[in-house]
Amino acid sequence: MKIRLGYACISETLNSNYKTYTYSNFIKDKNKKKLEDIITSNLFHLQELLKYNNKNNIHFFRISSNLIPLATKKEVNINYYTKYKSNYLELEQEIKKNNMRVDFHPSEYCVLNSTKKEVVEQSIDILKYHYNLLCYLKVENPLLVLHIGSKEFGKGKSLTRFVNNFKKLPKNIQKVIAIENDDKSFNIEDCINLSKKIDIPIILDYHHHTCNPSRQNIKELLPQILKTWKTTPKMHFSSPKSKLKKEYRSHNDYINIDEFMLFLNLIKKEQVDIDIMIEAKKKDEALFRLVRELKYKSDVIFLDETTFVV
C-alpha cells in the first residue's frame, strides 16, 4: 500500500503567513483597495507554498481558509473571482503540475447542526465560499472536511439536525463534504452511523480517536471507514502535546515516531492506499522530521520525499 504524507496551511520553512483584515478595520478604513491588495498578496503566498510543495514532492496539502478575508461578509460584498482569474489559473497549474491533492477544513465557526438559525445560515455561507474556491482552482475530487458539530440536546437530535441541514445544501456542495471524528463529542462510530444515512466519506483522525474512543475496536471499524471512499481515503494523524490530561488533546510540535509506527501497523493490514495529513504545529518541518525517523526506524520504502510503501 502507498502512503502519501501532507501538512496543513502554512510552511515553517518559508516562515510566512496569510495577511488578515478584520471587518472593524474594513469599516474604519472604508478602503476596498486595501482588501483587494491583501487578497492578491494571499493568492501569491499560496502560489509560493504550492511551488515549495512541488519542489519537495509534497503531494497532499490543506489550503488555509484565511485565503480571502471577509469573503462571507455580505456587508463587504466583494467579488473574489473576476479580478483574480489569472491568479487562480496559475494556482490551478501549480496544483496539477505534480498531481497535488488539496482540500479545505472550514473553521470551528462552521457548525451545520447548530440549534441557532443564524449560525446554520453562516455555516452554509462558509461552505459556499470554500466550494467556490475549489471550483476556481478546478480541484479534482474536491473535498471539504467538517466535524459533526454541536451536541446540544443530545447526540441523537444533533445527528438528526445535521442530516436535515445537510439535505438543504445544494447538491454540488453535498457531494464534496466529508466528516471527521472529534476529540470531545462525536466519535468514529457516530461518523459511521451518520455516513450510512447521507452517504459521505469519513476521515479518521487517530489522535481524536484516542481522546474520544469508540466502544468498538478501531481495527473492526477500519473496513467500514475505508468503504465510504470513492477516491483515495484520507486520514489525520497528530501526537498529543503531553500525556497530562489537560494537555493531551492539544497537538504536539512534532510527531511521535513510535505512535506513528503503531498507527501504520494498524492501517497496513487493510492494504489500501491512504493519504495522511500530519497535523503538527511545526507543519512541514514535522513532516520531514517524521520522514527522517521513518527511514531510520522502519523498513518502509520511500518512492520520493514524502511518499512510501508498506
C-alpha atoms as a PDB file:
ATOM      1  CA  MET A   1       0.000   0.000   0.000  1.00  0.00           C
ATOM      2  CA  LYS A   2       1.139   3.529  -0.761  1.00  0.00           C
ATOM      3  CA  ILE A   3       1.116   6.296   1.845  1.00  0.00           C
ATOM      4  CA  ARG A   4       1.387   9.995   0.961  1.00  0.00           C
ATOM      5  CA  LEU A   5       2.124  12.448   3.768  1.00  0.00           C
ATOM      6  CA  GLY A   6       0.841  16.019   3.793  1.00  0.00           C
ATOM      7  CA  TYR A   7       0.675  19.070   6.037  1.00  0.00           C
ATOM      8  CA  ALA A   8      -1.722  21.932   6.657  1.00  0.00           C
ATOM      9  CA  CYS A   9      -1.967  25.569   5.622  1.00  0.00           C
ATOM     10  CA  ILE A  10       1.434  27.206   6.256  1.00  0.00           C
ATOM     11  CA  SER A  11       5.103  26.302   5.954  1.00  0.00           C
ATOM     12  CA  GLU A  12       7.567  26.722   8.801  1.00  0.00           C
ATOM     13  CA  THR A  13      10.386  26.697   6.256  1.00  0.00           C
ATOM     14  CA  LEU A  14       9.019  29.622   4.228  1.00  0.00           C
ATOM     15  CA  ASN A  15       8.307  31.447   7.508  1.00  0.00           C
ATOM     16  CA  SER A  16       5.399  33.476   6.185  1.00  0.00           C
ATOM     17  CA  ASN A  17       1.666  33.651   6.715  1.00  0.00           C
ATOM     18  CA  TYR A  18      -1.541  34.938   5.187  1.00  0.00           C
ATOM     19  CA  LYS A  19      -2.473  38.565   5.783  1.00  0.00           C
ATOM     20  CA  THR A  20      -5.723  39.206   7.613  1.00  0.00           C
ATOM     21  CA  TYR A  21      -8.176  42.097   7.578  1.00  0.00           C
ATOM     22  CA  THR A  22     -10.875  42.424  10.224  1.00  0.00           C
ATOM     23  CA  TYR A  23     -14.346  43.663   9.476  1.00  0.00           C
ATOM     24  CA  SER A  24     -13.958  46.500  12.002  1.00  0.00           C
ATOM     25  CA  ASN A  25     -10.799  47.699  10.234  1.00  0.00           C
ATOM     26  CA  PHE A  26     -12.516  47.435   6.862  1.00  0.00           C
ATOM     27  CA  ILE A  27     -15.378  49.611   8.119  1.00  0.00           C
ATOM     28  CA  LYS A  28     -12.946  52.068   9.685  1.00  0.00           C
ATOM     29  CA  ASP A  29     -10.691  52.328   6.614  1.00  0.00           C
ATOM     30  CA  LYS A  30     -13.512  52.369   4.022  1.00  0.00           C
ATOM     31  CA  ASN A  31     -10.822  51.145   1.652  1.00  0.00           C
ATOM     32  CA  LYS A  32     -11.759  48.272  -0.670  1.00  0.00           C
ATOM     33  CA  LYS A  33      -8.426  48.647  -2.471  1.00  0.00           C
ATOM     34  CA  LYS A  34      -6.600  47.612   0.709  1.00  0.00           C
ATOM     35  CA  LEU A  35      -8.669  44.435   0.911  1.00  0.00           C
ATOM     36  CA  GLU A  36      -8.016  43.698  -2.765  1.00  0.00           C
ATOM     37  CA  ASP A  37      -4.270  44.117  -2.212  1.00  0.00           C
ATOM     38  CA  ILE A  38      -4.398  41.694   0.728  1.00  0.00           C
ATOM     39  CA  ILE A  39      -6.250  39.118  -1.387  1.00  0.00           C
ATOM     40  CA  THR A  40      -3.649  39.480  -4.155  1.00  0.00           C
ATOM     41  CA  SER A  41      -0.868  39.041  -1.597  1.00  0.00           C
ATOM     42  CA  ASN A  42      -2.508  35.934  -0.115  1.00  0.00           C
ATOM     43  CA  LEU A  43      -3.004  34.332  -3.526  1.00  0.00           C
ATOM     44  CA  PHE A  44       0.661  34.979  -4.324  1.00  0.00           C
ATOM     45  CA  HIS A  45       1.639  33.479  -0.950  1.00  0.00           C
ATOM     46  CA  LEU A  46      -0.391  30.341  -1.742  1.00  0.00           C
ATOM     47  CA  GLN A  47       1.349  30.068  -5.096  1.00  0.00           C
ATOM     48  CA  GLU A  48       4.738  30.152  -3.339  1.00  0.00           C
ATOM     49  CA  LEU A  49       3.552  27.442  -0.940  1.00  0.00           C
ATOM     50  CA  LEU A  50       2.424  25.241  -3.822  1.00  0.00           C
ATOM     51  CA  LYS A  51       5.735  25.768  -5.643  1.00  0.00           C
ATOM     52  CA  TYR A  52       7.591  24.817  -2.469  1.00  0.00           C
ATOM     53  CA  ASN A  53       5.433  21.695  -2.132  1.00  0.00           C
ATOM     54  CA  ASN A  54       6.103  20.669  -5.721  1.00  0.00           C
ATOM     55  CA  LYS A  55       9.848  21.215  -5.368  1.00  0.00           C
ATOM     56  CA  ASN A  56       9.798  18.919  -2.333  1.00  0.00           C
ATOM     57  CA  ASN A  57       7.396  16.325  -3.749  1.00  0.00           C
ATOM     58  CA  ILE A  58       4.659  17.078  -1.230  1.00  0.00           C
ATOM     59  CA  HIS A  59       1.525  15.792  -2.959  1.00  0.00           C
ATOM     60  CA  PHE A  60      -1.034  16.473  -0.238  1.00  0.00           C
ATOM     61  CA  PHE A  61      -1.840  19.896   1.237  1.00  0.00           C
ATOM     62  CA  ARG A  62      -4.618  21.670   3.116  1.00  0.00           C
ATOM     63  CA  ILE A  63      -5.232  25.220   1.918  1.00  0.00           C
ATOM     64  CA  SER A  64      -5.932  27.792   4.610  1.00  0.00           C
ATOM     65  CA  SER A  65      -9.490  29.081   4.969  1.00  0.00           C
ATOM     66  CA  ASN A  66      -7.945  32.538   5.555  1.00  0.00           C
ATOM     67  CA  LEU A  67      -7.100  32.905   1.877  1.00  0.00           C
ATOM     68  CA  ILE A  68      -9.816  35.508   1.189  1.00  0.00           C
ATOM     69  CA  PRO A  69     -10.524  37.732   4.221  1.00  0.00           C
ATOM     70  CA  LEU A  70     -14.154  38.775   4.758  1.00  0.00           C
ATOM     71  CA  ALA A  71     -15.330  36.570   1.893  1.00  0.00           C
ATOM     72  CA  THR A  72     -18.508  35.546   3.733  1.00  0.00           C
ATOM     73  CA  LYS A  73     -19.366  39.044   4.974  1.00  0.00           C
ATOM     74  CA  LYS A  74     -22.405  40.109   2.956  1.00  0.00           C
ATOM     75  CA  GLU A  75     -21.829  43.725   4.006  1.00  0.00           C
ATOM     76  CA  VAL A  76     -18.413  43.700   2.299  1.00  0.00           C
ATOM     77  CA  ASN A  77     -19.825  42.233  -0.920  1.00  0.00           C
ATOM     78  CA  ILE A  78     -16.519  41.737  -2.714  1.00  0.00           C
ATOM     79  CA  ASN A  79     -16.124  39.745  -5.915  1.00  0.00           C
ATOM     80  CA  TYR A  80     -13.196  37.457  -5.153  1.00  0.00           C
ATOM     81  CA  TYR A  81     -13.103  35.801  -8.561  1.00  0.00           C
ATOM     82  CA  THR A  82     -13.187  38.141 -11.577  1.00  0.00           C
ATOM     83  CA  LYS A  83     -10.274  40.382 -10.602  1.00  0.00           C
ATOM     84  CA  TYR A  84      -8.117  37.357  -9.695  1.00  0.00           C
ATOM     85  CA  LYS A  85      -8.787  34.985 -12.615  1.00  0.00           C
ATOM     86  CA  SER A  86      -5.135  34.928 -13.650  1.00  0.00           C
ATOM     87  CA  ASN A  87      -4.071  34.132 -10.059  1.00  0.00           C
ATOM     88  CA  TYR A  88      -6.458  31.183  -9.873  1.00  0.00           C
ATOM     89  CA  LEU A  89      -5.219  29.910 -13.228  1.00  0.00           C
ATOM     90  CA  GLU A  90      -1.603  29.965 -12.020  1.00  0.00           C
ATOM     91  CA  LEU A  91      -2.609  28.186  -8.818  1.00  0.00           C
ATOM     92  CA  GLU A  92      -4.547  25.571 -10.790  1.00  0.00           C
ATOM     93  CA  GLN A  93      -1.499  24.880 -12.945  1.00  0.00           C
ATOM     94  CA  GLU A  94       0.752  24.537  -9.902  1.00  0.00           C
ATOM     95  CA  ILE A  95      -1.661  22.088  -8.281  1.00  0.00           C
ATOM     96  CA  LYS A  96      -1.852  19.970 -11.440  1.00  0.00           C
ATOM     97  CA  LYS A  97       1.899  20.033 -12.088  1.00  0.00           C
ATOM     98  CA  ASN A  98       2.575  17.234  -9.582  1.00  0.00           C
ATOM     99  CA  ASN A  99      -0.976  15.949  -9.191  1.00  0.00           C
ATOM    100  CA  MET A 100      -1.218  17.577  -5.756  1.00  0.00           C
ATOM    101  CA  ARG A 101      -4.243  16.753  -3.628  1.00  0.00           C
ATOM    102  CA  VAL A 102      -5.612  19.871  -1.930  1.00  0.00           C
ATOM    103  CA  ASP A 103      -8.614  20.387   0.302  1.00  0.00           C
ATOM    104  CA  PHE A 104     -10.135  22.707   2.906  1.00  0.00           C
ATOM    105  CA  HIS A 105     -11.139  22.259   6.533  1.00  0.00           C
ATOM    106  CA  PRO A 106     -13.577  25.097   7.404  1.00  0.00           C
ATOM    107  CA  SER A 107     -13.137  26.599  10.863  1.00  0.00           C
ATOM    108  CA  GLU A 108     -14.973  25.877  14.096  1.00  0.00           C
ATOM    109  CA  TYR A 109     -17.478  28.601  13.149  1.00  0.00           C
ATOM    110  CA  CYS A 110     -18.930  26.260  10.535  1.00  0.00           C
ATOM    111  CA  VAL A 111     -21.495  24.332  12.596  1.00  0.00           C
ATOM    112  CA  LEU A 112     -24.029  22.825  10.241  1.00  0.00           C
ATOM    113  CA  ASN A 113     -26.081  21.242  13.032  1.00  0.00           C
ATOM    114  CA  SER A 114     -26.292  24.304  15.277  1.00  0.00           C
ATOM    115  CA  THR A 115     -29.578  24.971  17.068  1.00  0.00           C
ATOM    116  CA  LYS A 116     -29.299  28.647  16.062  1.00  0.00           C
ATOM    117  CA  LYS A 117     -30.702  29.581  12.653  1.00  0.00           C
ATOM    118  CA  GLU A 118     -28.192  32.395  12.118  1.00  0.00           C
ATOM    119  CA  VAL A 119     -25.261  30.041  12.803  1.00  0.00           C
ATOM    120  CA  VAL A 120     -26.590  27.499  10.285  1.00  0.00           C
ATOM    121  CA  GLU A 121     -27.005  30.279   7.686  1.00  0.00           C
ATOM    122  CA  GLN A 122     -23.467  31.479   8.370  1.00  0.00           C
ATOM    123  CA  SER A 123     -22.197  27.907   8.094  1.00  0.00           C
ATOM    124  CA  ILE A 124     -23.853  27.496   4.690  1.00  0.00           C
ATOM    125  CA  ASP A 125     -22.185  30.740   3.539  1.00  0.00           C
ATOM    126  CA  ILE A 126     -18.829  29.412   4.756  1.00  0.00           C
ATOM    127  CA  LEU A 127     -19.351  26.162   2.819  1.00  0.00           C
ATOM    128  CA  LYS A 128     -20.307  28.095  -0.333  1.00  0.00           C
ATOM    129  CA  TYR A 129     -17.139  30.204  -0.029  1.00  0.00           C
ATOM    130  CA  HIS A 130     -14.921  27.131   0.234  1.00  0.00           C
ATOM    131  CA  TYR A 131     -16.777  25.354  -2.547  1.00  0.00           C
ATOM    132  CA  ASN A 132     -16.306  28.374  -4.829  1.00  0.00           C
ATOM    133  CA  LEU A 133     -12.560  28.309  -4.180  1.00  0.00           C
ATOM    134  CA  LEU A 134     -12.428  24.614  -5.071  1.00  0.00           C
ATOM    135  CA  CYS A 135     -14.186  25.473  -8.337  1.00  0.00           C
ATOM    136  CA  TYR A 136     -11.928  28.449  -9.113  1.00  0.00           C
ATOM    137  CA  LEU A 137      -8.885  26.202  -8.602  1.00  0.00           C
ATOM    138  CA  LYS A 138     -10.519  23.413 -10.664  1.00  0.00           C
ATOM    139  CA  VAL A 139      -9.610  20.892  -7.977  1.00  0.00           C
ATOM    140  CA  GLU A 140     -10.137  17.263  -8.925  1.00  0.00           C
ATOM    141  CA  ASN A 141     -12.002  15.198  -6.326  1.00  0.00           C
ATOM    142  CA  PRO A 142     -12.798  18.324  -4.246  1.00  0.00           C
ATOM    143  CA  LEU A 143     -13.230  17.911  -0.507  1.00  0.00           C
ATOM    144  CA  LEU A 144     -14.467  19.976   2.444  1.00  0.00           C
ATOM    145  CA  VAL A 145     -13.768  18.426   5.848  1.00  0.00           C
ATOM    146  CA  LEU A 146     -16.336  19.001   8.598  1.00  0.00           C
ATOM    147  CA  HIS A 147     -16.867  17.982  12.191  1.00  0.00           C
ATOM    148  CA  ILE A 148     -20.419  16.953  13.051  1.00  0.00           C
ATOM    149  CA  GLY A 149     -20.555  19.937  15.402  1.00  0.00           C
ATOM    150  CA  SER A 150     -22.932  20.748  18.247  1.00  0.00           C
ATOM    151  CA  LYS A 151     -24.111  18.107  20.719  1.00  0.00           C
ATOM    152  CA  GLU A 152     -26.849  20.313  22.150  1.00  0.00           C
ATOM    153  CA  PHE A 153     -29.989  18.369  23.235  1.00  0.00           C
ATOM    154  CA  GLY A 154     -28.080  15.084  22.892  1.00  0.00           C
ATOM    155  CA  LYS A 155     -26.355  13.096  20.160  1.00  0.00           C
ATOM    156  CA  GLY A 156     -29.496  11.712  18.563  1.00  0.00           C
ATOM    157  CA  LYS A 157     -31.120  15.087  17.948  1.00  0.00           C
ATOM    158  CA  SER A 158     -27.778  16.602  16.935  1.00  0.00           C
ATOM    159  CA  LEU A 159     -27.223  13.952  14.268  1.00  0.00           C
ATOM    160  CA  THR A 160     -30.785  14.464  13.013  1.00  0.00           C
ATOM    161  CA  ARG A 161     -30.167  18.244  12.728  1.00  0.00           C
ATOM    162  CA  PHE A 162     -27.000  17.547  10.728  1.00  0.00           C
ATOM    163  CA  VAL A 163     -28.884  15.260   8.324  1.00  0.00           C
ATOM    164  CA  ASN A 164     -31.748  17.744   7.902  1.00  0.00           C
ATOM    165  CA  ASN A 165     -29.464  20.731   7.271  1.00  0.00           C
ATOM    166  CA  PHE A 166     -27.154  18.683   5.036  1.00  0.00           C
ATOM    167  CA  LYS A 167     -30.127  17.848   2.801  1.00  0.00           C
ATOM    168  CA  LYS A 168     -30.888  21.583   2.456  1.00  0.00           C
ATOM    169  CA  LEU A 169     -27.437  22.222   0.946  1.00  0.00           C
ATOM    170  CA  PRO A 170     -27.055  22.488  -2.835  1.00  0.00           C
ATOM    171  CA  LYS A 171     -26.343  19.034  -4.297  1.00  0.00           C
ATOM    172  CA  ASN A 172     -22.930  20.103  -5.591  1.00  0.00           C
ATOM    173  CA  ILE A 173     -21.825  21.038  -2.058  1.00  0.00           C
ATOM    174  CA  GLN A 174     -23.263  17.850  -0.560  1.00  0.00           C
ATOM    175  CA  LYS A 175     -21.007  15.861  -2.903  1.00  0.00           C
ATOM    176  CA  VAL A 176     -17.766  17.384  -1.577  1.00  0.00           C
ATOM    177  CA  ILE A 177     -18.315  17.063   2.189  1.00  0.00           C
ATOM    178  CA  ALA A 178     -16.503  14.532   4.365  1.00  0.00           C
ATOM    179  CA  ILE A 179     -16.920  14.162   8.133  1.00  0.00           C
ATOM    180  CA  GLU A 180     -14.234  13.732  10.765  1.00  0.00           C
ATOM    181  CA  ASN A 181     -14.496  12.380  14.300  1.00  0.00           C
ATOM    182  CA  ASP A 182     -13.704  14.945  17.000  1.00  0.00           C
ATOM    183  CA  ASP A 183     -11.926  14.807  20.355  1.00  0.00           C
ATOM    184  CA  LYS A 184     -14.906  15.550  22.605  1.00  0.00           C
ATOM    185  CA  SER A 185     -18.374  14.853  21.251  1.00  0.00           C
ATOM    186  CA  PHE A 186     -18.726  12.632  18.189  1.00  0.00           C
ATOM    187  CA  ASN A 187     -16.516   9.571  17.900  1.00  0.00           C
ATOM    188  CA  ILE A 188     -15.761   7.480  14.835  1.00  0.00           C
ATOM    189  CA  GLU A 189     -18.824   5.239  15.374  1.00  0.00           C
ATOM    190  CA  ASP A 190     -21.041   8.346  15.300  1.00  0.00           C
ATOM    191  CA  CYS A 191     -19.438   9.276  11.971  1.00  0.00           C
ATOM    192  CA  ILE A 192     -20.094   5.801  10.590  1.00  0.00           C
ATOM    193  CA  ASN A 193     -23.747   5.966  11.626  1.00  0.00           C
ATOM    194  CA  LEU A 194     -24.113   9.407  10.040  1.00  0.00           C
ATOM    195  CA  SER A 195     -22.360   8.326   6.845  1.00  0.00           C
ATOM    196  CA  LYS A 196     -24.833   5.459   6.424  1.00  0.00           C
ATOM    197  CA  LYS A 197     -27.675   7.996   6.398  1.00  0.00           C
ATOM    198  CA  ILE A 198     -26.243  10.517   3.920  1.00  0.00           C
ATOM    199  CA  ASP A 199     -23.519   8.555   2.094  1.00  0.00           C
ATOM    200  CA  ILE A 200     -20.470  10.764   2.697  1.00  0.00           C
ATOM    201  CA  PRO A 201     -16.831   9.737   3.293  1.00  0.00           C
ATOM    202  CA  ILE A 202     -15.305   9.519   6.766  1.00  0.00           C
ATOM    203  CA  ILE A 203     -11.910  10.847   7.814  1.00  0.00           C
ATOM    204  CA  LEU A 204     -10.379   9.016  10.740  1.00  0.00           C
ATOM    205  CA  ASP A 205      -8.481  11.412  12.982  1.00  0.00           C
ATOM    206  CA  TYR A 206      -6.453   8.970  15.026  1.00  0.00           C
ATOM    207  CA  HIS A 207      -5.488  11.423  17.776  1.00  0.00           C
ATOM    208  CA  HIS A 208      -9.127  12.429  18.185  1.00  0.00           C
ATOM    209  CA  HIS A 209      -9.956   8.732  18.372  1.00  0.00           C
ATOM    210  CA  THR A 210      -7.539   8.252  21.284  1.00  0.00           C
ATOM    211  CA  CYS A 211      -9.143  11.255  23.038  1.00  0.00           C
ATOM    212  CA  ASN A 212     -12.713  10.181  22.321  1.00  0.00           C
ATOM    213  CA  PRO A 213     -12.657   6.440  21.569  1.00  0.00           C
ATOM    214  CA  SER A 214     -15.472   4.346  20.177  1.00  0.00           C
ATOM    215  CA  ARG A 215     -16.871   1.361  22.045  1.00  0.00           C
ATOM    216  CA  GLN A 216     -15.963  -0.931  19.167  1.00  0.00           C
ATOM    217  CA  ASN A 217     -12.316  -1.705  18.434  1.00  0.00           C
ATOM    218  CA  ILE A 218     -10.889   0.575  15.741  1.00  0.00           C
ATOM    219  CA  LYS A 219      -9.487  -2.478  13.908  1.00  0.00           C
ATOM    220  CA  GLU A 220     -13.060  -3.664  13.343  1.00  0.00           C
ATOM    221  CA  LEU A 221     -14.226  -0.221  12.206  1.00  0.00           C
ATOM    222  CA  LEU A 222     -11.441   0.466   9.696  1.00  0.00           C
ATOM    223  CA  PRO A 223     -13.010  -1.527   6.817  1.00  0.00           C
ATOM    224  CA  GLN A 224     -16.270   0.409   7.259  1.00  0.00           C
ATOM    225  CA  ILE A 225     -14.407   3.735   7.243  1.00  0.00           C
ATOM    226  CA  LEU A 226     -12.427   2.897   4.112  1.00  0.00           C
ATOM    227  CA  LYS A 227     -15.532   1.639   2.320  1.00  0.00           C
ATOM    228  CA  THR A 228     -17.033   5.156   2.425  1.00  0.00           C
ATOM    229  CA  TRP A 229     -14.403   6.475  -0.027  1.00  0.00           C
ATOM    230  CA  LYS A 230     -14.694   6.506  -3.828  1.00  0.00           C
ATOM    231  CA  THR A 231     -11.227   8.124  -4.074  1.00  0.00           C
ATOM    232  CA  THR A 232      -8.057   7.579  -2.034  1.00  0.00           C
ATOM    233  CA  PRO A 233      -9.043   7.682   1.660  1.00  0.00           C
ATOM    234  CA  LYS A 234      -7.704  10.493   3.800  1.00  0.00           C
ATOM    235  CA  MET A 235      -6.759  10.283   7.479  1.00  0.00           C
ATOM    236  CA  HIS A 236      -5.345  12.694  10.072  1.00  0.00           C
ATOM    237  CA  PHE A 237      -2.510  11.992  12.457  1.00  0.00           C
ATOM    238  CA  SER A 238      -1.072  14.058  15.292  1.00  0.00           C
ATOM    239  CA  SER A 239       0.636  13.425  18.605  1.00  0.00           C
ATOM    240  CA  PRO A 240      -0.549  14.856  21.933  1.00  0.00           C
ATOM    241  CA  LYS A 241       1.284  17.848  23.365  1.00  0.00           C
ATOM    242  CA  SER A 242       1.689  15.914  26.628  1.00  0.00           C
ATOM    243  CA  LYS A 243       0.440  12.769  28.318  1.00  0.00           C
ATOM    244  CA  LEU A 244      -1.036  15.030  31.002  1.00  0.00           C
ATOM    245  CA  LYS A 245      -4.829  15.030  30.813  1.00  0.00           C
ATOM    246  CA  LYS A 246      -5.142  18.828  30.474  1.00  0.00           C
ATOM    247  CA  GLU A 247      -2.720  18.916  27.520  1.00  0.00           C
ATOM    248  CA  TYR A 248      -3.444  15.593  25.850  1.00  0.00           C
ATOM    249  CA  ARG A 249      -5.962  16.947  23.319  1.00  0.00           C
ATOM    250  CA  SER A 250      -3.564  19.669  22.085  1.00  0.00           C
ATOM    251  CA  HIS A 251      -1.270  18.965  19.139  1.00  0.00           C
ATOM    252  CA  ASN A 252       2.445  18.471  19.619  1.00  0.00           C
ATOM    253  CA  ASP A 253       5.027  20.412  17.611  1.00  0.00           C
ATOM    254  CA  TYR A 254       6.179  17.124  16.080  1.00  0.00           C
ATOM    255  CA  ILE A 255       5.034  13.535  15.562  1.00  0.00           C
ATOM    256  CA  ASN A 256       5.970  10.764  17.967  1.00  0.00           C
ATOM    257  CA  ILE A 257       7.593   8.194  15.676  1.00  0.00           C
ATOM    258  CA  ASP A 258       6.670   5.207  17.874  1.00  0.00           C
ATOM    259  CA  GLU A 259       2.999   6.213  17.934  1.00  0.00           C
ATOM    260  CA  PHE A 260       3.050   6.720  14.177  1.00  0.00           C
ATOM    261  CA  MET A 261       4.557   3.285  13.560  1.00  0.00           C
ATOM    262  CA  LEU A 262       1.836   1.694  15.688  1.00  0.00           C
ATOM    263  CA  PHE A 263      -0.706   3.532  13.552  1.00  0.00           C
ATOM    264  CA  LEU A 264       0.996   2.276  10.372  1.00  0.00           C
ATOM    265  CA  ASN A 265       0.829  -1.298  11.652  1.00  0.00           C
ATOM    266  CA  LEU A 266      -2.883  -0.811  12.265  1.00  0.00           C
ATOM    267  CA  ILE A 267      -3.774   0.525   8.815  1.00  0.00           C
ATOM    268  CA  LYS A 268      -1.392  -1.559   6.694  1.00  0.00           C
ATOM    269  CA  LYS A 269      -3.480  -4.661   7.348  1.00  0.00           C
ATOM    270  CA  GLU A 270      -6.129  -3.139   5.070  1.00  0.00           C
ATOM    271  CA  GLN A 271      -3.679  -2.774   2.142  1.00  0.00           C
ATOM    272  CA  VAL A 272      -5.396   0.324   0.754  1.00  0.00           C
ATOM    273  CA  ASP A 273      -3.533   3.439  -0.430  1.00  0.00           C
ATOM    274  CA  ILE A 274      -4.071   6.249   2.100  1.00  0.00           C
ATOM    275  CA  ASP A 275      -3.195   9.956   2.287  1.00  0.00           C
ATOM    276  CA  ILE A 276      -2.230  11.021   5.815  1.00  0.00           C
ATOM    277  CA  MET A 277      -2.443  14.656   6.890  1.00  0.00           C
ATOM    278  CA  ILE A 278       0.181  15.425   9.527  1.00  0.00           C
ATOM    279  CA  GLU A 279      -1.404  17.859  11.983  1.00  0.00           C
ATOM    280  CA  ALA A 280       1.601  19.097  13.944  1.00  0.00           C
ATOM    281  CA  LYS A 281       2.378  22.660  14.960  1.00  0.00           C
ATOM    282  CA  LYS A 282       5.723  22.592  13.137  1.00  0.00           C
ATOM    283  CA  LYS A 283       3.917  21.821   9.861  1.00  0.00           C
ATOM    284  CA  ASP A 284       6.329  20.805   7.066  1.00  0.00           C
ATOM    285  CA  GLU A 285       9.268  20.631   9.494  1.00  0.00           C
ATOM    286  CA  ALA A 286       7.359  17.997  11.475  1.00  0.00           C
ATOM    287  CA  LEU A 287       6.577  16.109   8.266  1.00  0.00           C
ATOM    288  CA  PHE A 288      10.229  15.931   7.177  1.00  0.00           C
ATOM    289  CA  ARG A 289      11.445  15.039  10.660  1.00  0.00           C
ATOM    290  CA  LEU A 290       8.962  12.157  10.626  1.00  0.00           C
ATOM    291  CA  VAL A 291      10.327  11.080   7.232  1.00  0.00           C
ATOM    292  CA  ARG A 292      13.909  11.028   8.558  1.00  0.00           C
ATOM    293  CA  GLU A 293      12.848   8.969  11.579  1.00  0.00           C
ATOM    294  CA  LEU A 294      10.874   6.544   9.438  1.00  0.00           C
ATOM    295  CA  LYS A 295      13.935   5.943   7.265  1.00  0.00           C
ATOM    296  CA  TYR A 296      15.945   5.204  10.387  1.00  0.00           C
ATOM    297  CA  LYS A 297      13.460   3.212  12.474  1.00  0.00           C
ATOM    298  CA  SER A 298      11.295   1.367   9.950  1.00  0.00           C
ATOM    299  CA  ASP A 299      11.615  -0.740   6.831  1.00  0.00           C
ATOM    300  CA  VAL A 300       9.184   1.291   4.704  1.00  0.00           C
ATOM    301  CA  ILE A 301      10.379   2.052   1.176  1.00  0.00           C
ATOM    302  CA  PHE A 302      10.287   5.701   0.089  1.00  0.00           C
ATOM    303  CA  LEU A 303       9.277   6.470  -3.514  1.00  0.00           C
ATOM    304  CA  ASP A 304      10.086  10.173  -3.125  1.00  0.00           C
ATOM    305  CA  GLU A 305      10.482  12.716  -0.309  1.00  0.00           C
ATOM    306  CA  THR A 306       7.019  12.195   1.208  1.00  0.00           C
ATOM    307  CA  THR A 307       5.607   9.003  -0.366  1.00  0.00           C
ATOM    308  CA  PHE A 308       6.373   5.483   0.787  1.00  0.00           C
ATOM    309  CA  VAL A 309       5.083   1.928   0.562  1.00  0.00           C
ATOM    310  CA  VAL A 310       4.486  -0.524   3.396  1.00  0.00           C
END
